[in-house]
């Protein structure tokens, strides 16, 4: 799996966030299926050349979001029902668009924008691009 993950250490996006986003995209596009085992924190950190704490933080955030389940002695696996795959909530959104939306939401929240303001911003951008 680590061959599918490339981090840009010169990016302003923190490595843990890049890692979280990439694993989310791999789950969303079906490359990582429910029950798939992720590398150990130490192994992935070594493969990517980053700190163990960076991988641990990404895994914690993925678990909090419902993408993975971590169990002592069993490691970290993709959740049986990752977000967006619950009954009645299945979407076929392109993974890169989902990731861009999550990134926008995170940046908008950090800038103090409300969800309504964020939607308005996207609608305005969509109209401008449609002209």
Protein backbone atom coordinates (compact mmCIF):
# COMPACT_ATOMS: atom_id res chain seq x y z
CA UNK A 1 0.00 0.00 0.00
CA UNK A 2 2.76 2.49 0.78
CA UNK A 3 3.67 2.41 -2.93
CA UNK A 4 0.31 4.13 -3.54
CA UNK A 5 1.09 6.90 -1.07
CA UNK A 6 3.37 9.76 -1.98
CA UNK A 7 3.81 12.70 0.36
CA UNK A 8 5.04 16.12 -0.66
CA UNK A 9 7.10 17.23 2.30
CA UNK A 10 7.49 20.72 0.79
CA UNK A 11 3.70 21.19 0.69
CA UNK A 12 2.02 23.57 3.15
CA UNK A 13 -0.38 20.68 3.88
CA UNK A 14 0.97 18.77 6.90
CA UNK A 15 2.18 15.21 6.20
CA UNK A 16 -0.40 13.66 8.55
CA UNK A 17 -3.16 15.43 6.58
CA UNK A 18 -1.74 14.28 3.24
CA UNK A 19 -1.59 10.73 4.55
CA UNK A 20 -5.13 10.90 5.95
CA UNK A 21 -6.42 12.30 2.67
CA UNK A 22 -4.66 9.66 0.56
CA UNK A 23 -5.93 6.74 2.65
CA UNK A 24 -9.44 8.24 2.59
CA UNK A 25 -9.24 8.45 -1.22
CA UNK A 26 -8.00 4.84 -1.47
CA UNK A 27 -10.95 3.69 0.65
CA UNK A 28 -13.42 5.86 -1.27
CA UNK A 29 -12.29 4.63 -4.68
CA UNK A 30 -12.33 0.98 -3.58
CA UNK A 31 -8.57 0.42 -3.75
CA UNK A 32 -8.72 -0.38 -0.03
CA UNK A 33 -11.72 -2.57 0.72
CA UNK A 34 -13.45 -3.18 4.06
CA UNK A 35 -11.30 -5.43 6.21
CA UNK A 36 -8.08 -4.56 4.35
CA UNK A 37 -5.19 -4.37 6.78
CA UNK A 38 -3.10 -1.20 6.81
CA UNK A 39 0.63 -1.29 7.50
CA UNK A 40 1.67 -0.83 11.11
CA UNK A 41 2.36 2.72 12.20
CA UNK A 42 6.08 1.98 12.46
CA UNK A 43 6.29 0.22 9.09
CA UNK A 44 4.44 2.95 7.21
CA UNK A 45 6.47 5.69 8.91
CA UNK A 46 9.68 3.92 7.87
CA UNK A 47 8.45 3.41 4.29
CA UNK A 48 7.47 7.07 3.93
CA UNK A 49 10.41 8.49 5.86
CA UNK A 50 8.25 10.34 8.35
CA UNK A 51 7.81 10.27 12.13
CA UNK A 52 5.83 7.50 13.79
CA UNK A 53 3.69 10.14 15.50
CA UNK A 54 2.70 11.55 12.11
CA UNK A 55 1.31 8.20 10.96
CA UNK A 56 -0.30 7.60 14.35
CA UNK A 57 -2.12 10.94 14.11
CA UNK A 58 -3.38 10.17 10.61
CA UNK A 59 -4.62 6.75 11.76
CA UNK A 60 -6.35 8.33 14.81
CA UNK A 61 -8.13 10.84 12.60
CA UNK A 62 -9.15 8.10 10.14
CA UNK A 63 -10.52 6.08 13.03
CA UNK A 64 -12.42 9.06 14.44
CA UNK A 65 -13.95 9.62 10.98
CA UNK A 66 -15.01 5.99 10.77
CA UNK A 67 -12.67 4.92 7.96
CA UNK A 68 -10.55 2.48 9.94
CA UNK A 69 -10.68 0.39 13.08
CA UNK A 70 -7.58 -0.12 15.24
CA UNK A 71 -7.26 -3.01 17.67
CA UNK A 72 -4.29 -4.02 19.73
CA UNK A 73 -2.60 -7.12 18.35
CA UNK A 74 -4.79 -7.00 15.23
CA UNK A 75 -3.54 -3.74 13.77
CA UNK A 76 -5.51 -1.23 11.77
CA UNK A 77 -8.04 -2.31 9.16
CA UNK A 78 -10.49 -0.53 6.88
CA UNK A 79 -13.88 -0.30 8.58
CA UNK A 80 -16.58 -2.69 7.41
CA UNK A 81 -18.83 0.28 6.58
CA UNK A 82 -16.69 3.36 5.87
CA UNK A 83 -18.41 6.78 5.72
CA UNK A 84 -20.56 7.27 2.64
CA UNK A 85 -21.25 3.56 2.33
CA UNK A 86 -23.91 3.32 5.01
CA UNK A 87 -27.27 2.06 3.84
CA UNK A 88 -29.11 4.85 2.07
CA UNK A 89 -26.02 7.09 1.87
CA UNK A 90 -24.12 5.48 -0.96
CA UNK A 91 -22.64 8.03 -3.31
CA UNK A 92 -20.57 7.71 -6.41
CA UNK A 93 -18.75 10.98 -5.94
CA UNK A 94 -15.30 11.01 -7.54
CA UNK A 95 -12.75 10.51 -4.76
CA UNK A 96 -10.69 13.53 -5.80
CA UNK A 97 -13.77 15.78 -5.64
CA UNK A 98 -14.70 14.40 -2.22
CA UNK A 99 -11.17 15.12 -1.05
CA UNK A 100 -11.26 18.64 -2.48
CA UNK A 101 -14.59 19.27 -0.72
CA UNK A 102 -13.16 18.05 2.59
CA UNK A 103 -10.10 20.25 2.12
CA UNK A 104 -12.30 23.25 1.32
CA UNK A 105 -14.53 22.59 4.33
CA UNK A 106 -11.49 22.37 6.59
CA UNK A 107 -10.01 25.61 5.21
CA UNK A 108 -13.35 27.42 5.33
CA UNK A 109 -13.88 26.38 8.95
CA UNK A 110 -10.36 27.56 9.83
CA UNK A 111 -11.14 30.91 8.16
CA UNK A 112 -14.31 31.25 10.24
CA UNK A 113 -16.82 30.66 7.44
CA UNK A 114 -20.11 28.98 8.24
CA UNK A 115 -21.29 25.94 6.25
CA UNK A 116 -23.83 28.19 4.53
CA UNK A 117 -21.13 30.69 3.54
CA UNK A 118 -18.97 27.83 2.24
CA UNK A 119 -21.83 26.52 0.09
CA UNK A 120 -22.43 30.05 -1.23
CA UNK A 121 -18.73 30.35 -2.07
CA UNK A 122 -18.83 27.08 -4.04
CA UNK A 123 -22.05 28.06 -5.82
CA UNK A 124 -20.51 31.41 -6.84
CA UNK A 125 -17.39 29.65 -8.13
CA UNK A 126 -19.51 27.14 -10.02
CA UNK A 127 -21.50 29.96 -11.69
CA UNK A 128 -18.31 31.84 -12.62
CA UNK A 129 -16.79 28.74 -14.19
CA UNK A 130 -19.99 28.05 -16.12
CA UNK A 131 -19.84 31.40 -17.94
